Amino acid sequence: MAVQWHSRDKFDRFGGVGASECPIVLGCELWGRRQADLQRQKLMREEQPITSAMRDGMEMEKYLMLMLGERTGLDIAPCWLTATNDRWSYCFASPDGLHGDTMVAEVKMVRYQASERRKEIAETGLTEAWRMQAIMQLVVTERRFAHVGVWYAPMLEMDIFSIDIDACSEADRAVADQCQAWYERHVVLGEPCPDYAGSNAQLAATRESPPCDKPARVATNAEGEVAHAYDIAVDQAAQAEANKRDTKGHLLKLLEDGPLIYAGTVYETRVSANGAVRITTRAYQGA
């Protein structure tokens, strides 16, 4: 089956471009985020800060989904899953709701200047960023219809916009192809984005350093105890941060001479963009 569904909590959002991020790739994003910002976020695996608007939207989402269902007369089920499609290895979509096998639902909330925004949308149509987000959801999930409910919070009013994928242009339906190509070029290959203002060297620094080229050595008992203490500090969330730093410092000192093998695990270091050294582990596969 081409479409696969995954738990949102466990899904790796850094491994591709989501429907909510496609407006950045297309250049129609509402909040001014640039392609270079998205590229850095993916390369550095940086979580996007939760704004007050995002928090309000998440808290209201289930109520807005119920309202959208009432207004459309459809039984819309909230969707807590993320969809991928075998056609695109670097694209995903997380609709707010689903109806049967043919429809996705998305809700948006306007908190400020609601009357002006409503008048603007009435004159020019659904905001391009929201329209393309819904289209990408349809493409990835292989569904035909989308209902986008726009809630104007101060006015307690909702407008509903419907999208039929069959009525969309060929260029619109190619949104996943565009996002796939963007991710391959600017994240997998690391080429600078058109709006990137730094140097190629700075961009290259956002990617982790390659594995150490020194052969891994088997730890002595004393070195193994340091590695084991580090593992305990990492595994125990309640462990004091100072103790964590102390064990990490000891292990980093040992890893200056190359990777370390202990108890079937290889410990090595990687350097991130900001110069921070990160300890990584992998199973020892033998010489």
Protein backbone atom coordinates (compact mmCIF):
# COMPACT_ATOMS: atom_id res chain seq x y z
CA MET A 1 0.00 0.00 0.00
CA ALA A 2 1.43 3.40 -0.99
CA VAL A 3 0.03 5.36 1.99
CA GLN A 4 1.26 4.45 5.45
CA TRP A 5 0.22 5.93 8.79
CA HIS A 6 2.51 6.51 11.77
CA SER A 7 2.19 7.70 15.35
CA ARG A 8 2.83 11.46 15.46
CA ASP A 9 4.72 11.16 18.74
CA LYS A 10 7.27 8.73 17.30
CA PHE A 11 7.52 10.13 13.77
CA ASP A 12 10.80 11.78 12.74
CA ARG A 13 9.72 15.18 11.41
CA PHE A 14 13.30 16.08 10.51
CA GLY A 15 13.48 13.32 7.90
CA GLY A 16 11.42 15.17 5.30
CA VAL A 17 9.13 18.09 4.49
CA GLY A 18 5.68 18.14 6.08
CA ALA A 19 2.54 19.58 4.54
CA SER A 20 2.62 22.50 6.99
CA GLU A 21 6.18 23.26 5.85
CA CYS A 22 5.56 23.10 2.11
CA PRO A 23 4.62 26.83 1.97
CA ILE A 24 8.20 27.63 3.03
CA VAL A 25 9.55 25.60 0.11
CA LEU A 26 7.05 27.25 -2.24
CA GLY A 27 7.75 30.76 -0.97
CA CYS A 28 4.23 31.51 0.31
CA GLU A 29 4.75 31.02 4.04
CA LEU A 30 2.74 33.40 6.24
CA TRP A 31 5.18 34.10 9.05
CA GLY A 32 8.33 34.95 7.12
CA ARG A 33 10.30 31.75 7.64
CA ARG A 34 12.84 31.30 4.86
CA GLN A 35 14.02 28.17 3.08
CA ALA A 36 17.39 28.63 4.79
CA ASP A 37 15.62 28.56 8.17
CA LEU A 38 13.92 25.29 7.28
CA GLN A 39 17.17 23.85 5.95
CA ARG A 40 18.99 24.64 9.20
CA GLN A 41 16.11 23.20 11.24
CA LYS A 42 16.29 19.91 9.33
CA LEU A 43 20.09 19.67 9.34
CA MET A 44 20.44 20.59 13.00
CA ARG A 45 17.28 18.73 14.05
CA GLU A 46 16.08 21.85 15.86
CA GLU A 47 12.60 21.76 17.33
CA GLN A 48 10.43 24.68 16.28
CA PRO A 49 9.57 26.88 19.28
CA ILE A 50 5.92 26.66 20.35
CA THR A 51 4.38 30.14 20.06
CA SER A 52 1.31 31.32 21.91
CA ALA A 53 -0.65 31.20 18.64
CA MET A 54 0.38 27.57 18.08
CA ARG A 55 -0.51 26.68 21.66
CA ASP A 56 -3.95 28.29 21.34
CA GLY A 57 -4.51 26.48 18.05
CA MET A 58 -3.64 23.09 19.53
CA GLU A 59 -5.92 23.66 22.51
CA MET A 60 -8.82 24.69 20.27
CA GLU A 61 -8.26 22.10 17.55
CA LYS A 62 -10.64 19.40 18.81
CA TYR A 63 -13.45 21.93 19.33
CA LEU A 64 -12.91 23.43 15.88
CA MET A 65 -12.98 19.94 14.37
CA LEU A 66 -16.38 19.33 15.99
CA MET A 67 -17.62 22.65 14.66
CA LEU A 68 -16.34 21.86 11.17
CA GLY A 69 -18.18 18.54 11.28
CA GLU A 70 -21.40 20.23 12.38
CA ARG A 71 -21.15 22.89 9.67
CA THR A 72 -20.47 20.37 6.89
CA GLY A 73 -22.77 17.63 8.18
CA LEU A 74 -19.89 15.14 7.98
CA ASP A 75 -18.57 12.76 10.60
CA ILE A 76 -15.00 14.07 10.81
CA ALA A 77 -12.70 12.09 13.06
CA PRO A 78 -9.68 13.80 14.64
CA CYS A 79 -6.44 12.45 13.20
CA TRP A 80 -3.50 11.85 15.53
CA LEU A 81 -1.40 10.18 12.86
CA THR A 82 1.16 11.22 10.24
CA ALA A 83 0.93 9.88 6.69
CA THR A 84 3.78 9.00 4.35
CA ASN A 85 3.60 7.75 0.78
CA ASP A 86 5.92 5.28 -0.94
CA ARG A 87 6.17 7.66 -3.91
CA TRP A 88 8.03 10.28 -1.85
CA SER A 89 10.60 9.24 0.72
CA TYR A 90 10.97 12.80 2.07
CA CYS A 91 7.34 14.00 2.32
CA PHE A 92 4.71 13.58 5.02
CA ALA A 93 1.36 15.02 6.09
CA SER A 94 -0.49 15.27 9.39
CA PRO A 95 -4.13 16.28 8.72
CA ASP A 96 -6.21 17.59 11.60
CA GLY A 97 -9.07 15.27 10.68
CA LEU A 98 -10.31 12.60 8.28
CA HIS A 99 -13.66 11.63 6.81
CA GLY A 100 -13.85 8.13 5.36
CA ASP A 101 -11.29 7.33 2.69
CA THR A 102 -11.85 10.42 0.54
CA MET A 103 -11.45 13.58 2.65
CA VAL A 104 -8.98 15.39 4.88
CA ALA A 105 -9.87 18.26 7.19
CA GLU A 106 -7.78 21.16 8.41
CA VAL A 107 -8.71 23.97 10.82
CA LYS A 108 -7.06 27.37 11.14
CA MET A 109 -7.63 30.09 13.71
CA VAL A 110 -7.35 33.86 13.16
CA ARG A 111 -6.85 35.66 16.46
CA TYR A 112 -6.04 39.23 15.44
CA GLN A 113 -7.57 41.66 12.94
CA ALA A 114 -10.22 39.04 12.28
CA SER A 115 -12.65 41.23 10.37
CA GLU A 116 -9.92 42.55 8.07
CA ARG A 117 -8.53 39.07 7.46
CA ARG A 118 -12.00 37.70 6.77
CA LYS A 119 -12.68 40.45 4.25
CA GLU A 120 -9.31 39.85 2.59
CA ILE A 121 -9.89 36.10 2.32
CA ALA A 122 -13.41 36.66 0.99
CA GLU A 123 -11.97 38.85 -1.79
CA THR A 124 -8.85 36.87 -2.72
CA GLY A 125 -9.73 33.33 -1.64
CA LEU A 126 -8.17 30.98 0.89
CA THR A 127 -4.67 32.00 1.93
CA GLU A 128 -2.19 30.39 -0.47
CA ALA A 129 -0.14 28.83 2.33
CA TRP A 130 -3.20 27.10 3.78
CA ARG A 131 -4.44 26.04 0.34
CA MET A 132 -1.11 24.44 -0.58
CA GLN A 133 -0.87 22.73 2.81
CA ALA A 134 -4.27 21.11 2.19
CA ILE A 135 -3.29 20.11 -1.35
CA MET A 136 -0.12 18.43 -0.13
CA GLN A 137 -2.17 16.56 2.46
CA LEU A 138 -4.43 15.30 -0.34
CA VAL A 139 -1.48 14.29 -2.51
CA VAL A 140 0.36 12.40 0.23
CA THR A 141 -2.76 10.68 1.63
CA GLU A 142 -4.17 10.01 -1.86
CA ARG A 143 -7.56 11.53 -1.02
CA ARG A 144 -9.72 13.70 -3.22
CA PHE A 145 -11.41 16.34 -1.07
CA ALA A 146 -10.26 18.73 1.64
CA HIS A 147 -12.32 20.98 3.89
CA VAL A 148 -10.44 23.86 5.48
CA GLY A 149 -12.24 25.64 8.31
CA VAL A 150 -11.03 29.13 9.18
CA TRP A 151 -12.15 30.22 12.65
CA TYR A 152 -12.20 33.96 13.32
CA ALA A 153 -11.86 33.83 17.09
CA PRO A 154 -12.99 37.36 18.11
CA MET A 155 -16.05 37.09 15.85
CA LEU A 156 -16.95 33.49 16.79
CA GLU A 157 -17.42 32.74 13.08
CA MET A 158 -16.10 30.04 10.78
CA ASP A 159 -15.73 30.05 7.00
CA ILE A 160 -15.26 26.75 5.19
CA PHE A 161 -13.29 26.27 2.00
CA SER A 162 -13.44 23.09 -0.06
CA ILE A 163 -10.73 21.77 -2.36
CA ASP A 164 -11.13 19.06 -4.99
CA ILE A 165 -7.74 17.68 -6.02
CA ASP A 166 -9.09 16.85 -9.48
CA ALA A 167 -9.82 20.56 -10.02
CA CYS A 168 -6.32 21.64 -9.01
CA SER A 169 -3.71 22.55 -11.58
CA GLU A 170 -0.95 20.16 -12.54
CA ALA A 171 1.56 22.51 -10.88
CA ASP A 172 -0.38 22.41 -7.60
CA ARG A 173 -0.57 18.62 -7.67
CA ALA A 174 3.22 18.49 -8.09
CA VAL A 175 3.76 20.01 -4.63
CA ALA A 176 5.14 16.78 -3.16
CA ASP A 177 7.56 16.43 -6.09
CA GLN A 178 8.83 19.96 -5.36
CA CYS A 179 9.26 19.27 -1.66
CA GLN A 180 10.99 15.95 -2.35
CA ALA A 181 13.44 17.64 -4.74
CA TRP A 182 14.05 20.49 -2.25
CA TYR A 183 14.87 18.10 0.60
CA GLU A 184 17.18 15.97 -1.54
CA ARG A 185 19.06 19.02 -2.78
CA HIS A 186 19.27 21.18 0.33
CA VAL A 187 19.25 18.65 3.20
CA VAL A 188 20.60 15.37 1.81
CA LEU A 189 23.19 17.05 -0.42
CA GLY A 190 23.49 20.20 1.68
CA GLU A 191 23.44 22.74 -1.17
CA PRO A 192 22.74 26.34 -0.05
CA CYS A 193 19.17 27.58 -0.44
CA PRO A 194 18.50 30.58 -2.70
CA ASP A 195 17.87 32.77 0.37
CA TYR A 196 20.88 31.52 2.35
CA ALA A 197 23.02 34.48 3.43
CA GLY A 198 26.02 32.67 4.90
CA SER A 199 29.05 31.05 3.31
CA ASN A 200 29.28 27.48 2.06
CA ALA A 201 31.71 26.79 4.88
CA GLN A 202 29.16 27.94 7.45
CA LEU A 203 26.50 25.77 5.86
CA ALA A 204 28.79 22.76 5.85
CA ALA A 205 29.33 23.32 9.56
CA THR A 206 25.64 22.72 10.23
CA ARG A 207 26.10 19.10 9.24
CA GLU A 208 27.63 16.79 11.80
CA SER A 209 31.21 15.75 11.28
CA PRO A 210 31.78 12.29 9.78
CA PRO A 211 32.61 9.36 12.08
CA CYS A 212 36.14 9.30 13.50
CA ASP A 213 38.55 7.66 11.08
CA LYS A 214 40.61 6.15 13.89
CA PRO A 215 40.02 2.44 14.65
CA ALA A 216 37.99 1.74 17.75
CA ARG A 217 39.91 0.20 20.66
CA VAL A 218 38.65 -2.09 23.40
CA ALA A 219 38.24 -0.22 26.65
CA THR A 220 40.22 -1.05 29.73
CA ASN A 221 38.25 -1.76 32.89
CA ALA A 222 38.74 1.83 34.09
CA GLU A 223 37.70 3.27 30.73
CA GLY A 224 34.68 0.97 30.62
CA GLU A 225 33.56 2.22 34.01
CA VAL A 226 33.59 5.80 32.67
CA ALA A 227 31.48 4.79 29.66
CA HIS A 228 29.08 2.89 31.92
CA ALA A 229 28.75 5.90 34.24
CA TYR A 230 27.92 8.07 31.23
CA ASP A 231 25.23 5.61 30.12
CA ILE A 232 23.65 5.72 33.56
CA ALA A 233 23.66 9.53 33.59
CA VAL A 234 21.99 9.65 30.17
CA ASP A 235 19.39 6.99 31.01
CA GLN A 236 18.32 8.50 34.32
CA ALA A 237 16.34 11.66 33.57
CA ALA A 238 16.44 12.66 37.23
CA GLN A 239 20.25 12.48 37.32
CA ALA A 240 21.77 15.81 38.35
CA GLU A 241 22.90 17.82 35.33
CA ALA A 242 26.27 18.47 36.98
CA ASN A 243 26.91 14.74 37.32
CA LYS A 244 25.91 14.29 33.68
CA ARG A 245 28.44 16.89 32.58
CA ASP A 246 31.09 15.31 34.77
CA THR A 247 30.71 11.82 33.30
CA LYS A 248 30.50 13.22 29.78
CA GLY A 249 33.70 15.18 30.33
CA HIS A 250 35.54 12.07 31.48
CA LEU A 251 34.36 10.08 28.47
CA LEU A 252 35.14 12.88 26.00
CA LYS A 253 38.71 12.91 27.32
CA LEU A 254 39.04 9.19 26.62
CA LEU A 255 37.54 9.56 23.14
CA GLU A 256 40.21 12.03 22.09
CA ASP A 257 42.28 8.99 21.11
CA GLY A 258 39.47 7.57 18.98
CA PRO A 259 36.30 5.48 19.40
CA LEU A 260 35.99 3.19 22.40
CA ILE A 261 34.46 -0.29 22.51
CA TYR A 262 32.86 -1.39 25.75
CA ALA A 263 30.23 -4.05 26.49
CA GLY A 264 29.31 -4.48 22.84
CA THR A 265 28.90 -0.73 22.23
CA VAL A 266 31.10 1.66 20.25
CA TYR A 267 31.36 5.15 21.74
CA GLU A 268 32.50 7.96 19.41
CA THR A 269 32.11 11.69 18.95
CA ARG A 270 30.50 13.94 16.35
CA VAL A 271 30.84 17.71 16.04
CA SER A 272 27.70 19.79 15.41
CA ALA A 273 27.35 23.17 13.73
CA ASN A 274 27.82 25.25 16.86
CA GLY A 275 31.03 23.41 17.70
CA ALA A 276 29.43 21.24 20.36
CA VAL A 277 30.82 17.73 20.62
CA ARG A 278 28.16 15.03 20.87
CA ILE A 279 28.76 11.48 22.05
CA THR A 280 27.10 8.86 19.86
CA THR A 281 26.81 5.12 20.36
CA ARG A 282 26.26 2.18 18.06
CA ALA A 283 26.36 -1.58 18.39
CA TYR A 284 29.78 -3.13 17.83
CA GLN A 285 29.65 -5.27 14.68
CA GLY A 286 33.09 -6.82 15.01
CA ALA A 287 36.38 -5.97 13.36
